[in-house]
N, C-alpha and C. Protein backbone atom coordinates (compact mmCIF):
# COMPACT_ATOMS: atom_id res chain seq x y z
N MET A 1 2.81 -3.44 -15.41
CA MET A 1 3.88 -3.23 -14.46
C MET A 1 4.96 -2.45 -15.18
N ASN A 2 5.56 -1.45 -14.52
CA ASN A 2 6.55 -0.64 -15.19
C ASN A 2 7.92 -1.31 -15.22
N THR A 3 8.86 -0.70 -15.92
CA THR A 3 10.19 -1.27 -16.13
C THR A 3 10.93 -1.50 -14.82
N ILE A 4 10.89 -0.54 -13.91
CA ILE A 4 11.60 -0.69 -12.63
C ILE A 4 11.03 -1.86 -11.84
N ALA A 5 9.73 -1.98 -11.79
CA ALA A 5 9.11 -3.08 -11.05
C ALA A 5 9.47 -4.42 -11.69
N ARG A 6 9.50 -4.48 -13.02
CA ARG A 6 9.88 -5.73 -13.70
C ARG A 6 11.32 -6.10 -13.40
N GLN A 7 12.21 -5.09 -13.41
CA GLN A 7 13.62 -5.35 -13.11
C GLN A 7 13.78 -5.85 -11.69
N LEU A 8 13.09 -5.23 -10.75
CA LEU A 8 13.17 -5.64 -9.35
C LEU A 8 12.67 -7.08 -9.20
N CYS A 9 11.56 -7.40 -9.82
CA CYS A 9 11.04 -8.77 -9.74
C CYS A 9 12.04 -9.76 -10.31
N ALA A 10 12.67 -9.42 -11.42
CA ALA A 10 13.65 -10.32 -12.03
C ALA A 10 14.85 -10.52 -11.11
N GLU A 11 15.33 -9.43 -10.50
CA GLU A 11 16.47 -9.51 -9.60
C GLU A 11 16.15 -10.32 -8.35
N LEU A 12 14.90 -10.34 -7.95
CA LEU A 12 14.50 -11.07 -6.74
C LEU A 12 14.04 -12.49 -7.05
N GLY A 13 14.33 -12.96 -8.24
CA GLY A 13 14.00 -14.34 -8.55
C GLY A 13 12.69 -14.52 -9.30
N GLY A 14 12.25 -13.49 -10.00
CA GLY A 14 11.06 -13.63 -10.81
C GLY A 14 9.77 -13.63 -10.03
N LEU A 15 9.66 -12.78 -9.02
CA LEU A 15 8.42 -12.69 -8.26
C LEU A 15 7.26 -12.36 -9.18
N SER A 16 6.11 -12.87 -8.85
CA SER A 16 4.94 -12.63 -9.67
C SER A 16 3.75 -12.31 -8.78
N ILE A 17 3.09 -11.18 -9.04
CA ILE A 17 1.91 -10.87 -8.25
C ILE A 17 0.75 -11.77 -8.63
N ALA A 18 0.83 -12.41 -9.79
CA ALA A 18 -0.25 -13.31 -10.21
C ALA A 18 -0.30 -14.57 -9.36
N ALA A 19 0.79 -14.88 -8.65
CA ALA A 19 0.83 -16.10 -7.85
C ALA A 19 0.01 -15.98 -6.57
N GLY A 20 -0.31 -14.77 -6.15
CA GLY A 20 -1.07 -14.56 -4.93
C GLY A 20 -2.56 -14.55 -5.20
N SER A 21 -3.30 -14.09 -4.21
CA SER A 21 -4.75 -14.01 -4.37
C SER A 21 -5.11 -12.88 -5.34
N ALA A 22 -6.31 -12.93 -5.84
CA ALA A 22 -6.78 -11.88 -6.75
C ALA A 22 -6.78 -10.53 -6.05
N ARG A 23 -7.20 -10.49 -4.78
CA ARG A 23 -7.21 -9.22 -4.05
C ARG A 23 -5.80 -8.68 -3.88
N ALA A 24 -4.84 -9.56 -3.60
CA ALA A 24 -3.45 -9.12 -3.46
C ALA A 24 -2.93 -8.56 -4.77
N ALA A 25 -3.25 -9.21 -5.88
CA ALA A 25 -2.82 -8.74 -7.19
C ALA A 25 -3.39 -7.36 -7.49
N ILE A 26 -4.66 -7.15 -7.18
CA ILE A 26 -5.29 -5.84 -7.38
C ILE A 26 -4.59 -4.80 -6.52
N THR A 27 -4.31 -5.14 -5.28
CA THR A 27 -3.66 -4.22 -4.34
C THR A 27 -2.28 -3.82 -4.83
N VAL A 28 -1.47 -4.79 -5.20
CA VAL A 28 -0.11 -4.51 -5.66
C VAL A 28 -0.14 -3.70 -6.95
N THR A 29 -1.01 -4.04 -7.87
CA THR A 29 -1.13 -3.30 -9.12
C THR A 29 -1.52 -1.85 -8.86
N ALA A 30 -2.46 -1.63 -7.95
CA ALA A 30 -2.89 -0.26 -7.61
C ALA A 30 -1.74 0.53 -7.00
N ALA A 31 -0.97 -0.10 -6.12
CA ALA A 31 0.16 0.59 -5.49
C ALA A 31 1.24 0.91 -6.52
N LEU A 32 1.58 -0.05 -7.37
CA LEU A 32 2.61 0.19 -8.38
C LEU A 32 2.22 1.30 -9.35
N ALA A 33 0.93 1.43 -9.62
CA ALA A 33 0.46 2.47 -10.54
C ALA A 33 0.66 3.87 -9.97
N GLN A 34 0.94 3.98 -8.69
CA GLN A 34 1.11 5.29 -8.07
C GLN A 34 2.57 5.75 -8.05
N GLN A 35 3.46 4.96 -8.64
CA GLN A 35 4.86 5.38 -8.69
C GLN A 35 4.96 6.73 -9.38
N GLY A 36 5.74 7.61 -8.80
CA GLY A 36 5.88 8.95 -9.33
C GLY A 36 5.01 9.97 -8.62
N ILE A 37 4.01 9.52 -7.87
CA ILE A 37 3.18 10.43 -7.07
C ILE A 37 4.03 10.87 -5.88
N PRO A 38 4.05 12.16 -5.56
CA PRO A 38 4.91 12.63 -4.48
C PRO A 38 4.55 12.09 -3.10
N TYR A 39 5.56 12.04 -2.23
CA TYR A 39 5.33 11.73 -0.82
C TYR A 39 4.73 12.97 -0.18
N SER A 40 3.68 12.79 0.59
CA SER A 40 3.04 13.89 1.31
C SER A 40 2.65 13.39 2.69
N TRP A 41 3.31 13.88 3.72
CA TRP A 41 3.06 13.44 5.08
C TRP A 41 1.59 13.64 5.42
N GLY A 42 0.90 12.57 5.77
CA GLY A 42 -0.53 12.63 6.08
C GLY A 42 -1.41 12.57 4.85
N GLY A 43 -0.83 12.40 3.67
CA GLY A 43 -1.59 12.39 2.43
C GLY A 43 -2.07 11.01 2.03
N GLY A 44 -3.12 11.00 1.23
CA GLY A 44 -3.67 9.76 0.69
C GLY A 44 -4.94 9.35 1.39
N GLU A 45 -5.83 8.77 0.61
CA GLU A 45 -7.13 8.29 1.11
C GLU A 45 -7.64 7.25 0.12
N PRO A 46 -8.74 6.58 0.41
CA PRO A 46 -9.23 5.56 -0.52
C PRO A 46 -9.46 6.07 -1.94
N ALA A 47 -9.79 7.34 -2.09
CA ALA A 47 -10.04 7.89 -3.42
C ALA A 47 -8.76 8.21 -4.19
N GLY A 48 -7.62 8.28 -3.50
CA GLY A 48 -6.36 8.58 -4.19
C GLY A 48 -5.52 9.58 -3.41
N PRO A 49 -4.58 10.23 -4.10
CA PRO A 49 -3.71 11.20 -3.44
C PRO A 49 -4.52 12.35 -2.85
N SER A 50 -4.01 12.92 -1.76
CA SER A 50 -4.65 14.08 -1.16
C SER A 50 -3.57 14.96 -0.54
N TYR A 51 -3.95 16.19 -0.22
CA TYR A 51 -3.02 17.07 0.48
C TYR A 51 -2.83 16.54 1.88
N GLY A 52 -1.58 16.55 2.32
CA GLY A 52 -1.25 16.04 3.63
C GLY A 52 -1.43 17.09 4.71
N ILE A 53 -0.71 16.89 5.80
CA ILE A 53 -0.74 17.80 6.94
C ILE A 53 0.69 18.22 7.26
N GLY A 54 0.83 19.27 8.05
CA GLY A 54 2.17 19.71 8.44
C GLY A 54 3.05 19.94 7.23
N ARG A 55 4.17 19.22 7.19
CA ARG A 55 5.12 19.37 6.08
C ARG A 55 4.52 18.94 4.74
N GLY A 56 3.45 18.16 4.76
CA GLY A 56 2.83 17.71 3.52
C GLY A 56 1.64 18.54 3.08
N ALA A 57 1.38 19.64 3.79
CA ALA A 57 0.16 20.42 3.55
C ALA A 57 0.08 21.02 2.15
N ASN A 58 1.21 21.27 1.51
CA ASN A 58 1.20 21.88 0.19
C ASN A 58 1.45 20.88 -0.93
N THR A 59 1.44 19.60 -0.60
CA THR A 59 1.73 18.58 -1.60
C THR A 59 0.62 17.54 -1.63
N SER A 60 0.09 17.30 -2.82
CA SER A 60 -0.90 16.24 -2.99
C SER A 60 -0.14 14.95 -3.29
N GLY A 61 -0.37 13.93 -2.48
CA GLY A 61 0.33 12.67 -2.66
C GLY A 61 -0.08 11.67 -1.62
N PHE A 62 0.84 10.77 -1.30
CA PHE A 62 0.60 9.72 -0.32
C PHE A 62 1.71 9.70 0.72
N ASP A 63 1.37 9.34 1.95
CA ASP A 63 2.39 8.86 2.87
C ASP A 63 2.25 7.34 2.87
N CYS A 64 3.04 6.67 3.70
CA CYS A 64 3.05 5.19 3.66
C CYS A 64 1.68 4.59 3.92
N SER A 65 1.04 5.00 5.01
CA SER A 65 -0.26 4.40 5.34
C SER A 65 -1.35 4.87 4.38
N GLY A 66 -1.22 6.07 3.85
CA GLY A 66 -2.19 6.53 2.86
C GLY A 66 -2.13 5.71 1.58
N LEU A 67 -0.91 5.34 1.17
CA LEU A 67 -0.76 4.51 -0.03
C LEU A 67 -1.33 3.12 0.19
N THR A 68 -1.06 2.52 1.34
CA THR A 68 -1.59 1.18 1.58
C THR A 68 -3.11 1.21 1.72
N GLU A 69 -3.64 2.27 2.35
CA GLU A 69 -5.11 2.38 2.45
C GLU A 69 -5.71 2.46 1.05
N TYR A 70 -5.13 3.30 0.19
CA TYR A 70 -5.62 3.45 -1.18
C TYR A 70 -5.56 2.11 -1.93
N ALA A 71 -4.40 1.47 -1.90
CA ALA A 71 -4.21 0.24 -2.67
C ALA A 71 -5.17 -0.86 -2.23
N TRP A 72 -5.31 -1.05 -0.92
CA TRP A 72 -6.23 -2.09 -0.45
C TRP A 72 -7.68 -1.73 -0.74
N SER A 73 -8.02 -0.44 -0.74
CA SER A 73 -9.41 -0.06 -1.04
C SER A 73 -9.78 -0.44 -2.47
N LYS A 74 -8.82 -0.43 -3.38
CA LYS A 74 -9.10 -0.82 -4.76
C LYS A 74 -9.49 -2.29 -4.85
N ALA A 75 -9.07 -3.09 -3.86
CA ALA A 75 -9.44 -4.51 -3.81
C ALA A 75 -10.66 -4.73 -2.93
N GLY A 76 -11.29 -3.63 -2.47
CA GLY A 76 -12.49 -3.75 -1.66
C GLY A 76 -12.26 -4.02 -0.19
N THR A 77 -11.05 -3.75 0.29
CA THR A 77 -10.72 -4.01 1.68
C THR A 77 -10.41 -2.70 2.40
N ARG A 78 -11.12 -2.45 3.49
CA ARG A 78 -10.88 -1.25 4.31
C ARG A 78 -9.89 -1.60 5.41
N ILE A 79 -8.77 -0.88 5.46
CA ILE A 79 -7.77 -1.16 6.50
C ILE A 79 -7.50 0.05 7.39
N GLY A 80 -8.17 1.17 7.13
CA GLY A 80 -7.94 2.37 7.92
C GLY A 80 -6.86 3.24 7.30
N GLY A 81 -6.82 4.48 7.76
CA GLY A 81 -5.92 5.45 7.14
C GLY A 81 -4.66 5.77 7.91
N THR A 82 -4.54 5.27 9.13
CA THR A 82 -3.33 5.53 9.90
C THR A 82 -2.60 4.22 10.18
N THR A 83 -1.35 4.33 10.53
CA THR A 83 -0.57 3.14 10.86
C THR A 83 -1.26 2.33 11.94
N TYR A 84 -1.73 2.99 12.98
CA TYR A 84 -2.35 2.27 14.10
C TYR A 84 -3.66 1.61 13.71
N GLU A 85 -4.46 2.28 12.88
CA GLU A 85 -5.69 1.64 12.39
C GLU A 85 -5.37 0.40 11.56
N GLN A 86 -4.32 0.50 10.76
CA GLN A 86 -3.95 -0.62 9.91
C GLN A 86 -3.40 -1.79 10.74
N ILE A 87 -2.60 -1.51 11.74
CA ILE A 87 -2.10 -2.56 12.62
C ILE A 87 -3.27 -3.28 13.28
N ASN A 88 -4.23 -2.51 13.76
CA ASN A 88 -5.37 -3.09 14.48
C ASN A 88 -6.38 -3.77 13.56
N SER A 89 -6.34 -3.48 12.25
CA SER A 89 -7.28 -4.12 11.33
C SER A 89 -6.78 -5.48 10.85
N ALA A 90 -5.52 -5.77 11.09
CA ALA A 90 -4.95 -7.04 10.63
C ALA A 90 -5.51 -8.20 11.44
N PRO A 91 -5.71 -9.34 10.79
CA PRO A 91 -6.19 -10.51 11.54
C PRO A 91 -5.18 -10.92 12.61
N LYS A 92 -5.69 -11.34 13.72
CA LYS A 92 -4.83 -11.77 14.83
C LYS A 92 -4.58 -13.27 14.73
N ASP A 93 -3.41 -13.69 15.18
CA ASP A 93 -3.07 -15.11 15.22
C ASP A 93 -3.57 -15.68 16.54
N PRO A 94 -4.62 -16.50 16.51
CA PRO A 94 -5.19 -16.99 17.77
C PRO A 94 -4.25 -17.89 18.56
N THR A 95 -3.25 -18.45 17.89
CA THR A 95 -2.31 -19.33 18.59
C THR A 95 -1.14 -18.57 19.19
N GLY A 96 -0.96 -17.33 18.75
CA GLY A 96 0.16 -16.53 19.24
C GLY A 96 1.50 -17.01 18.71
N THR A 97 1.50 -17.71 17.59
CA THR A 97 2.74 -18.26 17.06
C THR A 97 3.27 -17.52 15.84
N ASP A 98 2.68 -16.38 15.51
CA ASP A 98 3.22 -15.61 14.39
C ASP A 98 4.67 -15.26 14.68
N PRO A 99 5.56 -15.46 13.70
CA PRO A 99 6.95 -15.07 13.92
C PRO A 99 7.09 -13.55 13.92
N ALA A 100 8.07 -13.05 14.63
CA ALA A 100 8.33 -11.61 14.66
C ALA A 100 8.66 -11.14 13.25
N GLY A 101 8.28 -9.88 12.96
CA GLY A 101 8.62 -9.29 11.68
C GLY A 101 7.51 -9.37 10.72
């Protein structure tokens, strides 16, 4: 984990990725390792940074959903490459009692 991530964890009360599941730890570690990779609208895939689309066409990097797709793929979980695919891949609460947010 890099210095900025360690400082943030300390400021937030000593958060630890080791406290979660092994898959979550792999996912967070993969995402943190991409710090410094440029933002590229439409960029990112399970294999890593990619050239985006539109404004991101000339930049190899990640957008938000591309980064989460990449990070979760390192833990063996496919969540899709777009925001909507990721929303729809999440487990549903059968009781309908999930809190907002």
